[in-house]
C-alpha cells in the first residue's frame, strides 16, 4: 500500500511520519482492497491548544474513506483518525460482501 504524508506549513519529523505509517499500514492490512492512503497534517491558524489536524483518505475500490480529526498533538489526531477510519473500513467491507 502506498502511503503519502503531506505536512502543510511545517516539516514533519521522521518519528512522526513513521508513527503515522505504522498506524495506517495496520489499518490497510485489515482489507486487501486498499489501494493507498493520503495523510495531510496541518496546524489550524487559531491560537488554541487543540490546533493540530490530521486528515486521512484511504483509497479503496468504489469509494474513498475520509476522516479529519483535530486535537492538541499530531500523534493523538492521527491515532483518533485511524480509529474512526478502522470503523469506516469495517462498514465498507461489510457493504462489499453484501453485493
Protein backbone atom coordinates (compact mmCIF):
# COMPACT_ATOMS: atom_id res chain seq x y z
CA UNK A 1 0.00 0.00 0.00
CA UNK A 2 1.30 3.42 -0.93
CA UNK A 3 1.16 5.99 1.89
CA UNK A 4 1.60 9.67 1.05
CA UNK A 5 2.22 12.01 4.00
CA UNK A 6 2.00 15.77 3.44
CA UNK A 7 2.56 18.42 6.09
CA UNK A 8 1.22 21.91 5.44
CA UNK A 9 3.05 24.87 6.95
CA UNK A 10 5.71 22.83 8.76
CA UNK A 11 8.15 19.95 8.27
CA UNK A 12 7.05 16.72 9.97
CA UNK A 13 9.92 14.90 11.62
CA UNK A 14 10.79 11.32 10.74
CA UNK A 15 9.49 9.96 14.07
CA UNK A 16 6.01 11.40 13.40
CA UNK A 17 5.96 10.08 9.83
CA UNK A 18 6.99 6.60 11.00
CA UNK A 19 4.26 6.64 13.68
CA UNK A 20 1.62 7.54 11.09
CA UNK A 21 2.92 4.96 8.60
CA UNK A 22 2.66 2.22 11.24
CA UNK A 23 -0.91 3.22 12.13
CA UNK A 24 -2.12 3.49 8.53
CA UNK A 25 -0.36 0.29 7.46
CA UNK A 26 -2.09 -1.57 10.28
CA UNK A 27 -5.49 -0.34 9.03
CA UNK A 28 -4.59 -1.21 5.44
CA UNK A 29 -3.82 -4.78 6.45
CA UNK A 30 -7.47 -5.26 7.50
CA UNK A 31 -8.70 -5.21 3.90
CA UNK A 32 -6.91 -6.46 0.79
CA UNK A 33 -8.70 -3.94 -1.42
CA UNK A 34 -6.90 -0.89 0.00
CA UNK A 35 -5.01 0.82 -2.82
CA UNK A 36 -3.26 3.55 -0.86
CA UNK A 37 -3.68 6.42 1.53
CA UNK A 38 -3.11 10.15 1.67
CA UNK A 39 -2.35 11.77 5.03
CA UNK A 40 -2.36 15.55 5.47
CA UNK A 41 -1.09 17.19 8.64
CA UNK A 42 -1.73 20.86 9.27
CA UNK A 43 -1.91 23.42 12.03
CA UNK A 44 -5.13 25.38 12.49
CA UNK A 45 -4.47 29.12 12.37
CA UNK A 46 -6.49 29.75 15.52
CA UNK A 47 -4.40 30.05 18.66
CA UNK A 48 -5.93 27.15 20.56
CA UNK A 49 -4.31 24.18 22.25
CA UNK A 50 -6.16 21.71 20.01
CA UNK A 51 -4.92 23.12 16.71
CA UNK A 52 -3.22 20.01 15.23
CA UNK A 53 -5.22 18.47 12.39
CA UNK A 54 -4.76 15.06 10.78
CA UNK A 55 -6.74 14.17 7.65
CA UNK A 56 -6.54 10.64 6.29
CA UNK A 57 -8.02 9.48 2.99
CA UNK A 58 -7.99 5.72 2.43
CA UNK A 59 -8.25 4.78 -1.23
CA UNK A 60 -10.45 1.71 -1.71
CA UNK A 61 -12.38 0.48 -4.76
CA UNK A 62 -15.82 2.02 -5.04
CA UNK A 63 -15.25 4.98 -2.75
CA UNK A 64 -12.60 6.77 -0.73
CA UNK A 65 -12.87 6.76 3.04
CA UNK A 66 -12.05 10.09 4.72
CA UNK A 67 -11.53 11.18 8.31
CA UNK A 68 -10.46 14.51 9.81
CA UNK A 69 -9.53 14.82 13.49
CA UNK A 70 -8.24 17.80 15.48
CA UNK A 71 -6.53 17.55 18.89
CA UNK A 72 -3.57 19.05 20.73
CA UNK A 73 -0.94 16.74 19.16
CA UNK A 74 -0.43 15.22 15.72
CA UNK A 75 0.04 11.77 17.23
CA UNK A 76 -3.28 11.98 19.06
CA UNK A 77 -5.04 13.35 15.97
CA UNK A 78 -3.62 10.59 13.78
CA UNK A 79 -4.47 7.91 16.35
CA UNK A 80 -8.04 9.18 16.67
CA UNK A 81 -8.41 9.42 12.89
CA UNK A 82 -7.12 5.87 12.44
CA UNK A 83 -9.66 4.58 14.96
CA UNK A 84 -12.51 6.26 13.09
CA UNK A 85 -11.11 5.08 9.75
CA UNK A 86 -10.98 1.49 11.00
CA UNK A 87 -14.72 1.66 11.76
CA UNK A 88 -15.44 3.06 8.29
CA UNK A 89 -13.34 0.33 6.69
CA UNK A 90 -15.20 -2.43 8.54
CA UNK A 91 -18.52 -0.96 7.35
CA UNK A 92 -17.16 -0.72 3.80
CA UNK A 93 -16.04 -4.37 3.89
CA UNK A 94 -19.49 -5.44 5.07
CA UNK A 95 -21.15 -3.49 2.25
CA UNK A 96 -18.82 -5.04 -0.31
CA UNK A 97 -19.56 -8.55 0.97
CA UNK A 98 -23.28 -7.88 0.69
CA UNK A 99 -23.04 -7.08 -3.02
